[in-house]
Structures are given as structure tokens and as C-alpha cells.
Amino acid sequence: MSLLPTDTVASLALTASPSTPKQRLENTLAQLATTNSQLKSAETNPNKHEFTSGELIEPIERINATMRPRGLEFELSEESSRIITRVVDRESGEVIRQIPAEEVIKIAERLEEMQGQIISLEA
């Protein structure tokens, strides 16, 4: 699966006709540089939409309905607004693996709490 837009992949394939490998490489690199600058400008687009927790609940529920029979569950953490992924044993319901792990979530929460204290101490 390509991360490049479809029209970019097609244009790269069409320009593979130069005779020497060096010409093909230079041509491909020039097109990739153009694509990279287009992707960066799209990332800095001021119209970029940030999703809220409420907007993510319904899609996560639909994903869970599809993936639970395969042993995958997704949850939106209320405290940190992070998505938690669990691999679950379908027969016993036991959590086999959680990403990020509970310990990592607790450390992140604790660091967020401490961040406010560090700023207060330095001021």
C-alpha cells in the first residue's frame, strides 16, 4: 500500500521512460520532492480539523463492533483522550496485550500532573 496520492504514483510510473537509470532516479527524486512539499503544505493547512473526544466515540464503537469477534478492542481514555488498543482472548475474554500498557498510561498521567508542579517551582 502506497502512502503517496494515487495521481502521484501514476505520474511516477509514466515518467519511468528515461533511458538511463541515473535519469530515471533524478526524475523520480524531483517528483518526490514536489510531492513532499505538497504534503507539508497540506499539513500546515489552517483549515485542518482537530477531532474532539465526542467525535471519536461513534467511529470507535463501529470499529469495535467489527473487530471484537477477531479479538481486538479499542477504547478512548477519558483522562488522557488517548486511544487504547487491547488484544483479547476470544474464548476467555482475558486481555493478552494492551497498547499502550497500563503502566505507560499511569506514567504519562503522572508526568502531566508533575508538569504543572515543575512550572510552579521554577516560577
PDB file of N, CA and C in Angstrom:
ATOM      1  N   MET A   1       0.850  -1.169   0.000  1.00  0.00           N
ATOM      2  CA  MET A   1       0.000   0.000   0.000  1.00  0.00           C
ATOM      3  C   MET A   1       0.890   1.224   0.000  1.00  0.00           C
ATOM      4  N   SER A   2       0.609   2.148  -0.897  1.00  0.00           N
ATOM      5  CA  SER A   2       1.420   3.333  -1.059  1.00  0.00           C
ATOM      6  C   SER A   2       0.880   4.470  -0.207  1.00  0.00           C
ATOM      7  N   LEU A   3       1.802   5.274   0.371  1.00  0.00           N
ATOM      8  CA  LEU A   3       1.396   6.428   1.136  1.00  0.00           C
ATOM      9  C   LEU A   3       1.259   7.656   0.259  1.00  0.00           C
ATOM     10  N   LEU A   4       1.652   7.529  -1.010  1.00  0.00           N
ATOM     11  CA  LEU A   4       1.571   8.639  -1.937  1.00  0.00           C
ATOM     12  C   LEU A   4       0.180   8.711  -2.543  1.00  0.00           C
ATOM     13  N   PRO A   5      -0.268   9.922  -2.880  1.00  0.00           N
ATOM     14  CA  PRO A   5      -1.559  10.040  -3.566  1.00  0.00           C
ATOM     15  C   PRO A   5      -1.542   9.261  -4.872  1.00  0.00           C
ATOM     16  N   THR A   6      -2.697   8.766  -5.299  1.00  0.00           N
ATOM     17  CA  THR A   6      -2.808   7.918  -6.483  1.00  0.00           C
ATOM     18  C   THR A   6      -2.275   8.611  -7.725  1.00  0.00           C
ATOM     19  N   ASP A   7      -2.584   9.908  -7.889  1.00  0.00           N
ATOM     20  CA  ASP A   7      -2.109  10.609  -9.077  1.00  0.00           C
ATOM     21  C   ASP A   7      -0.595  10.731  -9.091  1.00  0.00           C
ATOM     22  N   THR A   8       0.033  10.802  -7.922  1.00  0.00           N
ATOM     23  CA  THR A   8       1.490  10.871  -7.848  1.00  0.00           C
ATOM     24  C   THR A   8       2.104   9.545  -8.254  1.00  0.00           C
ATOM     25  N   VAL A   9       1.515   8.439  -7.776  1.00  0.00           N
ATOM     26  CA  VAL A   9       2.021   7.117  -8.137  1.00  0.00           C
ATOM     27  C   VAL A   9       1.914   6.912  -9.636  1.00  0.00           C
ATOM     28  N   ALA A  10       0.783   7.324 -10.230  1.00  0.00           N
ATOM     29  CA  ALA A  10       0.593   7.185 -11.668  1.00  0.00           C
ATOM     30  C   ALA A  10       1.605   8.029 -12.436  1.00  0.00           C
ATOM     31  N   SER A  11       1.866   9.249 -11.971  1.00  0.00           N
ATOM     32  CA  SER A  11       2.811  10.100 -12.686  1.00  0.00           C
ATOM     33  C   SER A  11       4.229   9.572 -12.556  1.00  0.00           C
ATOM     34  N   LEU A  12       4.554   8.949 -11.417  1.00  0.00           N
ATOM     35  CA  LEU A  12       5.875   8.344 -11.262  1.00  0.00           C
ATOM     36  C   LEU A  12       6.045   7.190 -12.236  1.00  0.00           C
ATOM     37  N   ALA A  13       5.006   6.411 -12.432  1.00  0.00           N
ATOM     38  CA  ALA A  13       5.074   5.275 -13.348  1.00  0.00           C
ATOM     39  C   ALA A  13       5.214   5.754 -14.789  1.00  0.00           C
ATOM     40  N   LEU A  14       4.534   6.837 -15.144  1.00  0.00           N
ATOM     41  CA  LEU A  14       4.591   7.344 -16.504  1.00  0.00           C
ATOM     42  C   LEU A  14       5.942   7.942 -16.846  1.00  0.00           C
ATOM     43  N   THR A  15       6.654   8.462 -15.853  1.00  0.00           N
ATOM     44  CA  THR A  15       7.921   9.123 -16.128  1.00  0.00           C
ATOM     45  C   THR A  15       9.099   8.180 -15.990  1.00  0.00           C
ATOM     46  N   ALA A  16       8.859   6.910 -15.924  1.00  0.00           N
ATOM     47  CA  ALA A  16       9.938   5.943 -15.780  1.00  0.00           C
ATOM     48  C   ALA A  16      10.556   5.597 -17.128  1.00  0.00           C
ATOM     49  N   SER A  17      10.277   6.384 -18.169  1.00  0.00           N
ATOM     50  CA  SER A  17      10.756   6.073 -19.506  1.00  0.00           C
ATOM     51  C   SER A  17      12.136   6.639 -19.866  1.00  0.00           C
ATOM     52  N   PRO A  18      12.773   7.545 -19.083  1.00  0.00           N
ATOM     53  CA  PRO A  18      14.117   7.993 -19.476  1.00  0.00           C
ATOM     54  C   PRO A  18      15.045   6.799 -19.640  1.00  0.00           C
ATOM     55  N   SER A  19      16.018   6.968 -20.517  1.00  0.00           N
ATOM     56  CA  SER A  19      16.815   5.819 -20.938  1.00  0.00           C
ATOM     57  C   SER A  19      17.800   5.312 -19.900  1.00  0.00           C
ATOM     58  N   THR A  20      18.440   6.184 -19.139  1.00  0.00           N
ATOM     59  CA  THR A  20      19.456   5.698 -18.203  1.00  0.00           C
ATOM     60  C   THR A  20      18.891   5.615 -16.792  1.00  0.00           C
ATOM     61  N   PRO A  21      19.443   4.736 -15.982  1.00  0.00           N
ATOM     62  CA  PRO A  21      18.980   4.643 -14.595  1.00  0.00           C
ATOM     63  C   PRO A  21      19.176   5.962 -13.847  1.00  0.00           C
ATOM     64  N   LYS A  22      20.252   6.680 -14.142  1.00  0.00           N
ATOM     65  CA  LYS A  22      20.507   7.953 -13.472  1.00  0.00           C
ATOM     66  C   LYS A  22      19.399   8.958 -13.802  1.00  0.00           C
ATOM     67  N   GLN A  23      18.978   9.019 -15.049  1.00  0.00           N
ATOM     68  CA  GLN A  23      17.908   9.933 -15.444  1.00  0.00           C
ATOM     69  C   GLN A  23      16.596   9.561 -14.760  1.00  0.00           C
ATOM     70  N   ARG A  24      16.325   8.265 -14.695  1.00  0.00           N
ATOM     71  CA  ARG A  24      15.103   7.815 -14.015  1.00  0.00           C
ATOM     72  C   ARG A  24      15.138   8.192 -12.542  1.00  0.00           C
ATOM     73  N   LEU A  25      16.293   7.996 -11.896  1.00  0.00           N
ATOM     74  CA  LEU A  25      16.436   8.325 -10.480  1.00  0.00           C
ATOM     75  C   LEU A  25      16.243   9.820 -10.257  1.00  0.00           C
ATOM     76  N   GLU A  26      16.897  10.648 -11.065  1.00  0.00           N
ATOM     77  CA  GLU A  26      16.772  12.095 -10.911  1.00  0.00           C
ATOM     78  C   GLU A  26      15.338  12.556 -11.132  1.00  0.00           C
ATOM     79  N   ASN A  27      14.695  11.998 -12.118  1.00  0.00           N
ATOM     80  CA  ASN A  27      13.318  12.350 -12.406  1.00  0.00           C
ATOM     81  C   ASN A  27      12.394  11.963 -11.246  1.00  0.00           C
ATOM     82  N   THR A  28      12.581  10.773 -10.734  1.00  0.00           N
ATOM     83  CA  THR A  28      11.759  10.292  -9.615  1.00  0.00           C
ATOM     84  C   THR A  28      11.996  11.140  -8.376  1.00  0.00           C
ATOM     85  N   LEU A  29      13.256  11.466  -8.070  1.00  0.00           N
ATOM     86  CA  LEU A  29      13.564  12.290  -6.904  1.00  0.00           C
ATOM     87  C   LEU A  29      12.954  13.682  -7.027  1.00  0.00           C
ATOM     88  N   ALA A  30      12.965  14.244  -8.221  1.00  0.00           N
ATOM     89  CA  ALA A  30      12.367  15.562  -8.426  1.00  0.00           C
ATOM     90  C   ALA A  30      10.868  15.515  -8.166  1.00  0.00           C
ATOM     91  N   GLN A  31      10.213  14.467  -8.632  1.00  0.00           N
ATOM     92  CA  GLN A  31       8.769  14.346  -8.413  1.00  0.00           C
ATOM     93  C   GLN A  31       8.445  14.087  -6.946  1.00  0.00           C
ATOM     94  N   LEU A  32       9.277  13.293  -6.275  1.00  0.00           N
ATOM     95  CA  LEU A  32       9.042  13.037  -4.856  1.00  0.00           C
ATOM     96  C   LEU A  32       9.235  14.306  -4.039  1.00  0.00           C
ATOM     97  N   ALA A  33      10.209  15.142  -4.423  1.00  0.00           N
ATOM     98  CA  ALA A  33      10.410  16.409  -3.727  1.00  0.00           C
ATOM     99  C   ALA A  33       9.175  17.290  -3.869  1.00  0.00           C
ATOM    100  N   THR A  34       8.590  17.317  -5.045  1.00  0.00           N
ATOM    101  CA  THR A  34       7.367  18.092  -5.272  1.00  0.00           C
ATOM    102  C   THR A  34       6.233  17.543  -4.419  1.00  0.00           C
ATOM    103  N   THR A  35       6.089  16.221  -4.387  1.00  0.00           N
ATOM    104  CA  THR A  35       5.036  15.585  -3.595  1.00  0.00           C
ATOM    105  C   THR A  35       5.241  15.870  -2.114  1.00  0.00           C
ATOM    106  N   ASN A  36       6.494  15.810  -1.651  1.00  0.00           N
ATOM    107  CA  ASN A  36       6.798  16.067  -0.252  1.00  0.00           C
ATOM    108  C   ASN A  36       6.415  17.492   0.128  1.00  0.00           C
ATOM    109  N   SER A  37       6.708  18.459  -0.737  1.00  0.00           N
ATOM    110  CA  SER A  37       6.345  19.843  -0.425  1.00  0.00           C
ATOM    111  C   SER A  37       4.825  20.009  -0.423  1.00  0.00           C
ATOM    112  N   GLN A  38       4.116  19.281  -1.284  1.00  0.00           N
ATOM    113  CA  GLN A  38       2.656  19.342  -1.289  1.00  0.00           C
ATOM    114  C   GLN A  38       2.089  18.760   0.004  1.00  0.00           C
ATOM    115  N   LEU A  39       2.671  17.648   0.469  1.00  0.00           N
ATOM    116  CA  LEU A  39       2.200  17.036   1.710  1.00  0.00           C
ATOM    117  C   LEU A  39       2.454  17.956   2.896  1.00  0.00           C
ATOM    118  N   LYS A  40       3.617  18.620   2.937  1.00  0.00           N
ATOM    119  CA  LYS A  40       3.925  19.528   4.036  1.00  0.00           C
ATOM    120  C   LYS A  40       2.983  20.719   4.037  1.00  0.00           C
ATOM    121  N   SER A  41       2.667  21.242   2.864  1.00  0.00           N
ATOM    122  CA  SER A  41       1.742  22.379   2.820  1.00  0.00           C
ATOM    123  C   SER A  41       0.355  21.944   3.266  1.00  0.00           C
ATOM    124  N   ALA A  42      -0.028  20.717   2.990  1.00  0.00           N
ATOM    125  CA  ALA A  42      -1.332  20.219   3.440  1.00  0.00           C
ATOM    126  C   ALA A  42      -1.351  20.061   4.956  1.00  0.00           C
ATOM    127  N   GLU A  43      -0.193  19.683   5.551  1.00  0.00           N
ATOM    128  CA  GLU A  43      -0.124  19.519   6.998  1.00  0.00           C
ATOM    129  C   GLU A  43      -0.253  20.848   7.720  1.00  0.00           C
ATOM    130  N   THR A  44       0.260  21.913   7.138  1.00  0.00           N
ATOM    131  CA  THR A  44       0.223  23.223   7.787  1.00  0.00           C
ATOM    132  C   THR A  44      -1.012  24.014   7.390  1.00  0.00           C
ATOM    133  N   ASN A  45      -1.962  23.359   6.780  1.00  0.00           N
ATOM    134  CA  ASN A  45      -3.198  23.997   6.349  1.00  0.00           C
ATOM    135  C   ASN A  45      -3.959  24.512   7.571  1.00  0.00           C
ATOM    136  N   PRO A  46      -4.299  25.805   7.607  1.00  0.00           N
ATOM    137  CA  PRO A  46      -5.015  26.331   8.768  1.00  0.00           C
ATOM    138  C   PRO A  46      -6.431  25.782   8.890  1.00  0.00           C
ATOM    139  N   ASN A  47      -6.956  25.176   7.842  1.00  0.00           N
ATOM    140  CA  ASN A  47      -8.298  24.604   7.881  1.00  0.00           C
ATOM    141  C   ASN A  47      -8.302  23.188   8.426  1.00  0.00           C
ATOM    142  N   LYS A  48      -7.174  22.715   8.907  1.00  0.00           N
ATOM    143  CA  LYS A  48      -7.050  21.358   9.430  1.00  0.00           C
ATOM    144  C   LYS A  48      -7.983  21.195  10.628  1.00  0.00           C
ATOM    145  N   HIS A  49      -8.752  20.114  10.640  1.00  0.00           N
ATOM    146  CA  HIS A  49      -9.751  19.878  11.676  1.00  0.00           C
ATOM    147  C   HIS A  49      -9.169  19.001  12.779  1.00  0.00           C
ATOM    148  N   GLU A  50      -9.222  19.474  14.005  1.00  0.00           N
ATOM    149  CA  GLU A  50      -8.831  18.686  15.170  1.00  0.00           C
ATOM    150  C   GLU A  50     -10.077  17.977  15.694  1.00  0.00           C
ATOM    151  N   PHE A  51      -9.972  16.671  15.939  1.00  0.00           N
ATOM    152  CA  PHE A  51     -11.116  15.906  16.401  1.00  0.00           C
ATOM    153  C   PHE A  51     -11.238  15.997  17.912  1.00  0.00           C
ATOM    154  N   THR A  52     -12.468  16.091  18.390  1.00  0.00           N
ATOM    155  CA  THR A  52     -12.723  16.078  19.822  1.00  0.00           C
ATOM    156  C   THR A  52     -13.049  14.648  20.244  1.00  0.00           C
ATOM    157  N   SER A  53     -13.021  14.416  21.539  1.00  0.00           N
ATOM    158  CA  SER A  53     -13.324  13.081  22.064  1.00  0.00           C
ATOM    159  C   SER A  53     -14.722  12.638  21.660  1.00  0.00           C
ATOM    160  N   GLY A  54     -15.678  13.549  21.689  1.00  0.00           N
ATOM    161  CA  GLY A  54     -17.056  13.212  21.328  1.00  0.00           C
ATOM    162  C   GLY A  54     -17.201  12.757  19.887  1.00  0.00           C
ATOM    163  N   GLU A  55     -16.389  13.345  19.001  1.00  0.00           N
ATOM    164  CA  GLU A  55     -16.454  12.976  17.595  1.00  0.00           C
ATOM    165  C   GLU A  55     -15.841  11.602  17.331  1.00  0.00           C
ATOM    166  N   LEU A  56     -15.001  11.125  18.234  1.00  0.00           N
ATOM    167  CA  LEU A  56     -14.344   9.838  18.041  1.00  0.00           C
ATOM    168  C   LEU A  56     -15.121   8.664  18.600  1.00  0.00           C
ATOM    169  N   ILE A  57     -16.092   8.917  19.464  1.00  0.00           N
ATOM    170  CA  ILE A  57     -16.802   7.824  20.133  1.00  0.00           C
ATOM    171  C   ILE A  57     -17.541   6.929  19.144  1.00  0.00           C
ATOM    172  N   GLU A  58     -18.333   7.508  18.256  1.00  0.00           N
ATOM    173  CA  GLU A  58     -19.110   6.691  17.313  1.00  0.00           C
ATOM    174  C   GLU A  58     -18.213   5.856  16.387  1.00  0.00           C
ATOM    175  N   PRO A  59     -17.172   6.451  15.772  1.00  0.00           N
ATOM    176  CA  PRO A  59     -16.306   5.615  14.919  1.00  0.00           C
ATOM    177  C   PRO A  59     -15.631   4.483  15.697  1.00  0.00           C
ATOM    178  N   ILE A  60     -15.236   4.740  16.930  1.00  0.00           N
ATOM    179  CA  ILE A  60     -14.611   3.689  17.736  1.00  0.00           C
ATOM    180  C   ILE A  60     -15.609   2.583  18.035  1.00  0.00           C
ATOM    181  N   GLU A  61     -16.857   2.937  18.302  1.00  0.00           N
ATOM    182  CA  GLU A  61     -17.881   1.919  18.550  1.00  0.00           C
ATOM    183  C   GLU A  61     -18.109   1.061  17.311  1.00  0.00           C
ATOM    184  N   ARG A  62     -18.122   1.684  16.130  1.00  0.00           N
ATOM    185  CA  ARG A  62     -18.299   0.909  14.890  1.00  0.00           C
ATOM    186  C   ARG A  62     -17.106  -0.015  14.641  1.00  0.00           C
ATOM    187  N   ILE A  63     -15.921   0.482  14.906  1.00  0.00           N
ATOM    188  CA  ILE A  63     -14.721  -0.356  14.743  1.00  0.00           C
ATOM    189  C   ILE A  63     -14.781  -1.529  15.712  1.00  0.00           C
ATOM    190  N   ASN A  64     -15.167  -1.266  16.959  1.00  0.00           N
ATOM    191  CA  ASN A  64     -15.276  -2.339  17.956  1.00  0.00           C
ATOM    192  C   ASN A  64     -16.287  -3.396  17.531  1.00  0.00           C
ATOM    193  N   ALA A  65     -17.416  -2.980  16.971  1.00  0.00           N
ATOM    194  CA  ALA A  65     -18.429  -3.940  16.538  1.00  0.00           C
ATOM    195  C   ALA A  65     -17.863  -4.881  15.477  1.00  0.00           C
ATOM    196  N   THR A  66     -16.988  -4.357  14.644  1.00  0.00           N
ATOM    197  CA  THR A  66     -16.381  -5.166  13.588  1.00  0.00           C
ATOM    198  C   THR A  66     -15.224  -6.016  14.102  1.00  0.00           C
ATOM    199  N   MET A  67     -14.411  -5.473  14.994  1.00  0.00           N
ATOM    200  CA  MET A  67     -13.162  -6.129  15.379  1.00  0.00           C
ATOM    201  C   MET A  67     -13.262  -7.022  16.621  1.00  0.00           C
ATOM    202  N   ARG A  68     -14.278  -6.857  17.449  1.00  0.00           N
ATOM    203  CA  ARG A  68     -14.387  -7.693  18.660  1.00  0.00           C
ATOM    204  C   ARG A  68     -14.385  -9.182  18.354  1.00  0.00           C
ATOM    205  N   PRO A  69     -15.122  -9.631  17.327  1.00  0.00           N
ATOM    206  CA  PRO A  69     -15.082 -11.067  17.032  1.00  0.00           C
ATOM    207  C   PRO A  69     -13.682 -11.562  16.669  1.00  0.00           C
ATOM    208  N   ARG A  70     -12.795 -10.657  16.295  1.00  0.00           N
ATOM    209  CA  ARG A  70     -11.415 -11.025  15.947  1.00  0.00           C
ATOM    210  C   ARG A  70     -10.464 -10.846  17.123  1.00  0.00           C
ATOM    211  N   GLY A  71     -10.977 -10.408  18.261  1.00  0.00           N
ATOM    212  CA  GLY A  71     -10.153 -10.295  19.457  1.00  0.00           C
ATOM    213  C   GLY A  71      -9.490  -8.949  19.643  1.00  0.00           C
ATOM    214  N   LEU A  72      -9.980  -7.905  18.980  1.00  0.00           N
ATOM    215  CA  LEU A  72      -9.425  -6.560  19.145  1.00  0.00           C
ATOM    216  C   LEU A  72     -10.486  -5.624  19.691  1.00  0.00           C
ATOM    217  N   GLU A  73     -10.083  -4.793  20.650  1.00  0.00           N
ATOM    218  CA  GLU A  73     -10.978  -3.801  21.222  1.00  0.00           C
ATOM    219  C   GLU A  73     -10.254  -2.463  21.276  1.00  0.00           C
ATOM    220  N   PHE A  74     -10.991  -1.397  21.070  1.00  0.00           N
ATOM    221  CA  PHE A  74     -10.444  -0.053  21.128  1.00  0.00           C
ATOM    222  C   PHE A  74     -11.252   0.754  22.126  1.00  0.00           C
ATOM    223  N   GLU A  75     -10.565   1.629  22.863  1.00  0.00           N
ATOM    224  CA  GLU A  75     -11.230   2.448  23.874  1.00  0.00           C
ATOM    225  C   GLU A  75     -10.595   3.829  23.871  1.00  0.00           C
ATOM    226  N   LEU A  76     -11.408   4.838  24.080  1.00  0.00           N
ATOM    227  CA  LEU A  76     -10.907   6.198  24.198  1.00  0.00           C
ATOM    228  C   LEU A  76     -10.788   6.523  25.673  1.00  0.00           C
ATOM    229  N   SER A  77      -9.568   6.737  26.145  1.00  0.00           N
ATOM    230  CA  SER A  77      -9.334   7.045  27.553  1.00  0.00           C
ATOM    231  C   SER A  77      -9.882   8.421  27.867  1.00  0.00           C
ATOM    232  N   GLU A  78     -10.730   8.507  28.889  1.00  0.00           N
ATOM    233  CA  GLU A  78     -11.339   9.780  29.252  1.00  0.00           C
ATOM    234  C   GLU A  78     -10.325  10.726  29.878  1.00  0.00           C
ATOM    235  N   GLU A  79      -9.382  10.196  30.646  1.00  0.00           N
ATOM    236  CA  GLU A  79      -8.413  11.042  31.334  1.00  0.00           C
ATOM    237  C   GLU A  79      -7.433  11.690  30.367  1.00  0.00           C
ATOM    238  N   SER A  80      -6.915  10.902  29.432  1.00  0.00           N
ATOM    239  CA  SER A  80      -5.850  11.413  28.570  1.00  0.00           C
ATOM    240  C   SER A  80      -6.274  11.620  27.125  1.00  0.00           C
ATOM    241  N   SER A  81      -7.503  11.254  26.784  1.00  0.00           N
ATOM    242  CA  SER A  81      -8.007  11.335  25.405  1.00  0.00           C
ATOM    243  C   SER A  81      -7.123  10.568  24.428  1.00  0.00           C
ATOM    244  N   ARG A  82      -6.586   9.454  24.877  1.00  0.00           N
ATOM    245  CA  ARG A  82      -5.778   8.580  24.025  1.00  0.00           C
ATOM    246  C   ARG A  82      -6.565   7.332  23.693  1.00  0.00           C
ATOM    247  N   ILE A  83      -6.256   6.765  22.543  1.00  0.00           N
ATOM    248  CA  ILE A  83      -6.920   5.528  22.153  1.00  0.00           C
ATOM    249  C   ILE A  83      -6.110   4.360  22.690  1.00  0.00           C
ATOM    250  N   ILE A  84      -6.792   3.467  23.380  1.00  0.00           N
ATOM    251  CA  ILE A  84      -6.171   2.278  23.954  1.00  0.00           C
ATOM    252  C   ILE A  84      -6.626   1.086  23.132  1.00  0.00           C
ATOM    253  N   THR A  85      -5.682   0.260  22.725  1.00  0.00           N
ATOM    254  CA  THR A  85      -5.970  -0.929  21.929  1.00  0.00           C
ATOM    255  C   THR A  85      -5.691  -2.160  22.781  1.00  0.00           C
ATOM    256  N   ARG A  86      -6.611  -3.107  22.757  1.00  0.00           N
ATOM    257  CA  ARG A  86      -6.431  -4.355  23.516  1.00  0.00           C
ATOM    258  C   ARG A  86      -6.591  -5.545  22.592  1.00  0.00           C
ATOM    259  N   VAL A  87      -5.699  -6.513  22.758  1.00  0.00           N
ATOM    260  CA  VAL A  87      -5.827  -7.804  22.098  1.00  0.00           C
ATOM    261  C   VAL A  87      -6.397  -8.741  23.152  1.00  0.00           C
ATOM    262  N   VAL A  88      -7.571  -9.313  22.865  1.00  0.00           N
ATOM    263  CA  VAL A  88      -8.305 -10.092  23.867  1.00  0.00           C
ATOM    264  C   VAL A  88      -8.464 -11.521  23.382  1.00  0.00           C
ATOM    265  N   ASP A  89      -8.307 -12.475  24.321  1.00  0.00           N
ATOM    266  CA  ASP A  89      -8.569 -13.879  24.021  1.00  0.00           C
ATOM    267  C   ASP A  89     -10.079 -14.019  23.820  1.00  0.00           C
ATOM    268  N   ARG A  90     -10.486 -14.467  22.647  1.00  0.00           N
ATOM    269  CA  ARG A  90     -11.920 -14.527  22.326  1.00  0.00           C
ATOM    270  C   ARG A  90     -12.673 -15.519  23.195  1.00  0.00           C
ATOM    271  N   GLU A  91     -12.014 -16.569  23.628  1.00  0.00           N
ATOM    272  CA  GLU A  91     -12.710 -17.587  24.428  1.00  0.00           C
ATOM    273  C   GLU A  91     -12.844 -17.179  25.886  1.00  0.00           C
ATOM    274  N   SER A  92     -11.763 -16.730  26.495  1.00  0.00           N
ATOM    275  CA  SER A  92     -11.800 -16.419  27.924  1.00  0.00           C
ATOM    276  C   SER A  92     -12.095 -14.947  28.212  1.00  0.00           C
ATOM    277  N   GLY A  93     -11.895 -14.067  27.234  1.00  0.00           N
ATOM    278  CA  GLY A  93     -12.095 -12.640  27.456  1.00  0.00           C
ATOM    279  C   GLY A  93     -10.911 -11.982  28.143  1.00  0.00           C
ATOM    280  N   GLU A  94      -9.840 -12.739  28.374  1.00  0.00           N
ATOM    281  CA  GLU A  94      -8.652 -12.223  29.049  1.00  0.00           C
ATOM    282  C   GLU A  94      -7.859 -11.307  28.112  1.00  0.00           C
ATOM    283  N   VAL A  95      -7.378 -10.190  28.665  1.00  0.00           N
ATOM    284  CA  VAL A  95      -6.568  -9.262  27.878  1.00  0.00           C
ATOM    285  C   VAL A  95      -5.177  -9.862  27.708  1.00  0.00           C
ATOM    286  N   ILE A  96      -4.787 -10.081  26.460  1.00  0.00           N
ATOM    287  CA  ILE A  96      -3.471 -10.637  26.152  1.00  0.00           C
ATOM    288  C   ILE A  96      -2.432  -9.520  26.106  1.00  0.00           C
ATOM    289  N   ARG A  97      -2.795  -8.418  25.472  1.00  0.00           N
ATOM    290  CA  ARG A  97      -1.869  -7.296  25.312  1.00  0.00           C
ATOM    291  C   ARG A  97      -2.669  -6.006  25.241  1.00  0.00           C
ATOM    292  N   GLN A  98      -2.132  -4.952  25.832  1.00  0.00           N
ATOM    293  CA  GLN A  98      -2.758  -3.635  25.760  1.00  0.00           C
ATOM    294  C   GLN A  98      -1.718  -2.636  25.298  1.00  0.00           C
ATOM    295  N   ILE A  99      -2.122  -1.774  24.370  1.00  0.00           N
ATOM    296  CA  ILE A  99      -1.213  -0.773  23.836  1.00  0.00           C
ATOM    297  C   ILE A  99      -1.892   0.584  23.948  1.00  0.00           C
ATOM    298  N   PRO A 100      -1.340   1.558  24.626  1.00  0.00           N
ATOM    299  CA  PRO A 100      -0.171   1.477  25.493  1.00  0.00           C
ATOM    300  C   PRO A 100      -0.509   0.709  26.765  1.00  0.00           C
ATOM    301  N   ALA A 101       0.515   0.160  27.370  1.00  0.00           N
ATOM    302  CA  ALA A 101       0.346  -0.640  28.586  1.00  0.00           C
ATOM    303  C   ALA A 101      -0.179   0.245  29.726  1.00  0.00           C
ATOM    304  N   GLU A 102      -0.856  -0.377  30.694  1.00  0.00           N
ATOM    305  CA  GLU A 102      -1.391   0.349  31.853  1.00  0.00           C
ATOM    306  C   GLU A 102      -0.311   1.167  32.543  1.00  0.00           C
ATOM    307  N   GLU A 103       0.880   0.585  32.669  1.00  0.00           N
ATOM    308  CA  GLU A 103       1.973   1.270  33.339  1.00  0.00           C
ATOM    309  C   GLU A 103       2.356   2.552  32.600  1.00  0.00           C
ATOM    310  N   VAL A 104       2.385   2.476  31.276  1.00  0.00           N
ATOM    311  CA  VAL A 104       2.744   3.644  30.467  1.00  0.00           C
ATOM    312  C   VAL A 104       1.681   4.724  30.607  1.00  0.00           C
ATOM    313  N   ILE A 105       0.416   4.333  30.646  1.00  0.00           N
ATOM    314  CA  ILE A 105      -0.672   5.302  30.818  1.00  0.00           C
ATOM    315  C   ILE A 105      -0.541   6.002  32.171  1.00  0.00           C
ATOM    316  N   LYS A 106      -0.251   5.230  33.219  1.00  0.00           N
ATOM    317  CA  LYS A 106      -0.107   5.822  34.552  1.00  0.00           C
ATOM    318  C   LYS A 106       1.097   6.760  34.609  1.00  0.00           C
ATOM    319  N   ILE A 107       2.188   6.374  33.977  1.00  0.00           N
ATOM    320  CA  ILE A 107       3.381   7.238  33.948  1.00  0.00           C
ATOM    321  C   ILE A 107       3.066   8.540  33.222  1.00  0.00           C
ATOM    322  N   ALA A 108       2.364   8.461  32.080  1.00  0.00           N
ATOM    323  CA  ALA A 108       2.011   9.658  31.321  1.00  0.00           C
ATOM    324  C   ALA A 108       1.106  10.579  32.142  1.00  0.00           C
ATOM    325  N   GLU A 109       0.141   9.993  32.845  1.00  0.00           N
ATOM    326  CA  GLU A 109      -0.749  10.795  33.683  1.00  0.00           C
ATOM    327  C   GLU A 109       0.035  11.481  34.794  1.00  0.00           C
ATOM    328  N   ARG A 110       0.940  10.731  35.406  1.00  0.00           N
ATOM    329  CA  ARG A 110       1.761  11.286  36.492  1.00  0.00           C
ATOM    330  C   ARG A 110       2.667  12.405  35.987  1.00  0.00           C
ATOM    331  N   LEU A 111       3.243  12.226  34.792  1.00  0.00           N
ATOM    332  CA  LEU A 111       4.095  13.269  34.212  1.00  0.00           C
ATOM    333  C   LEU A 111       3.286  14.535  33.924  1.00  0.00           C
ATOM    334  N   GLU A 112       2.050  14.371  33.460  1.00  0.00           N
ATOM    335  CA  GLU A 112       1.196  15.535  33.216  1.00  0.00           C
ATOM    336  C   GLU A 112       0.906  16.276  34.511  1.00  0.00           C
ATOM    337  N   GLU A 113       0.688  15.525  35.604  1.00  0.00           N
ATOM    338  CA  GLU A 113       0.465  16.147  36.909  1.00  0.00           C
ATOM    339  C   GLU A 113       1.710  16.887  37.370  1.00  0.00           C
ATOM    340  N   MET A 114       2.856  16.248  37.196  1.00  0.00           N
ATOM    341  CA  MET A 114       4.119  16.841  37.648  1.00  0.00           C
ATOM    342  C   MET A 114       4.505  18.056  36.811  1.00  0.00           C
ATOM    343  N   GLN A 115       4.092  18.097  35.572  1.00  0.00           N
ATOM    344  CA  GLN A 115       4.445  19.213  34.704  1.00  0.00           C
ATOM    345  C   GLN A 115       3.949  20.533  35.300  1.00  0.00           C
ATOM    346  N   GLY A 116       2.766  20.545  35.816  1.00  0.00           N
ATOM    347  CA  GLY A 116       2.237  21.750  36.447  1.00  0.00           C
ATOM    348  C   GLY A 116       3.029  22.121  37.684  1.00  0.00           C
ATOM    349  N   GLN A 117       3.477  21.147  38.463  1.00  0.00           N
ATOM    350  CA  GLN A 117       4.256  21.399  39.650  1.00  0.00           C
ATOM    351  C   GLN A 117       5.635  21.934  39.307  1.00  0.00           C
ATOM    352  N   ILE A 118       6.251  21.415  38.268  1.00  0.00           N
ATOM    353  CA  ILE A 118       7.580  21.864  37.867  1.00  0.00           C
ATOM    354  C   ILE A 118       7.523  23.330  37.454  1.00  0.00           C
ATOM    355  N   ILE A 119       6.496  23.701  36.711  1.00  0.00           N
ATOM    356  CA  ILE A 119       6.368  25.095  36.277  1.00  0.00           C
ATOM    357  C   ILE A 119       6.185  25.991  37.495  1.00  0.00           C
ATOM    358  N   SER A 120       5.398  25.569  38.479  1.00  0.00           N
ATOM    359  CA  SER A 120       5.181  26.367  39.684  1.00  0.00           C
ATOM    360  C   SER A 120       6.469  26.518  40.473  1.00  0.00           C
ATOM    361  N   LEU A 121       7.277  25.462  40.563  1.00  0.00           N
ATOM    362  CA  LEU A 121       8.525  25.531  41.321  1.00  0.00           C
ATOM    363  C   LEU A 121       9.542  26.456  40.672  1.00  0.00           C
ATOM    364  N   GLU A 122       9.575  26.499  39.347  1.00  0.00           N
ATOM    365  CA  GLU A 122      10.550  27.314  38.655  1.00  0.00           C
ATOM    366  C   GLU A 122      10.167  28.782  38.595  1.00  0.00           C
ATOM    367  N   ALA A 123       8.929  29.091  38.756  1.00  0.00           N
ATOM    368  CA  ALA A 123       8.468  30.481  38.622  1.00  0.00           C
ATOM    369  C   ALA A 123       8.831  31.321  39.790  1.00  0.00           C
TER     370      ALA A 123
END
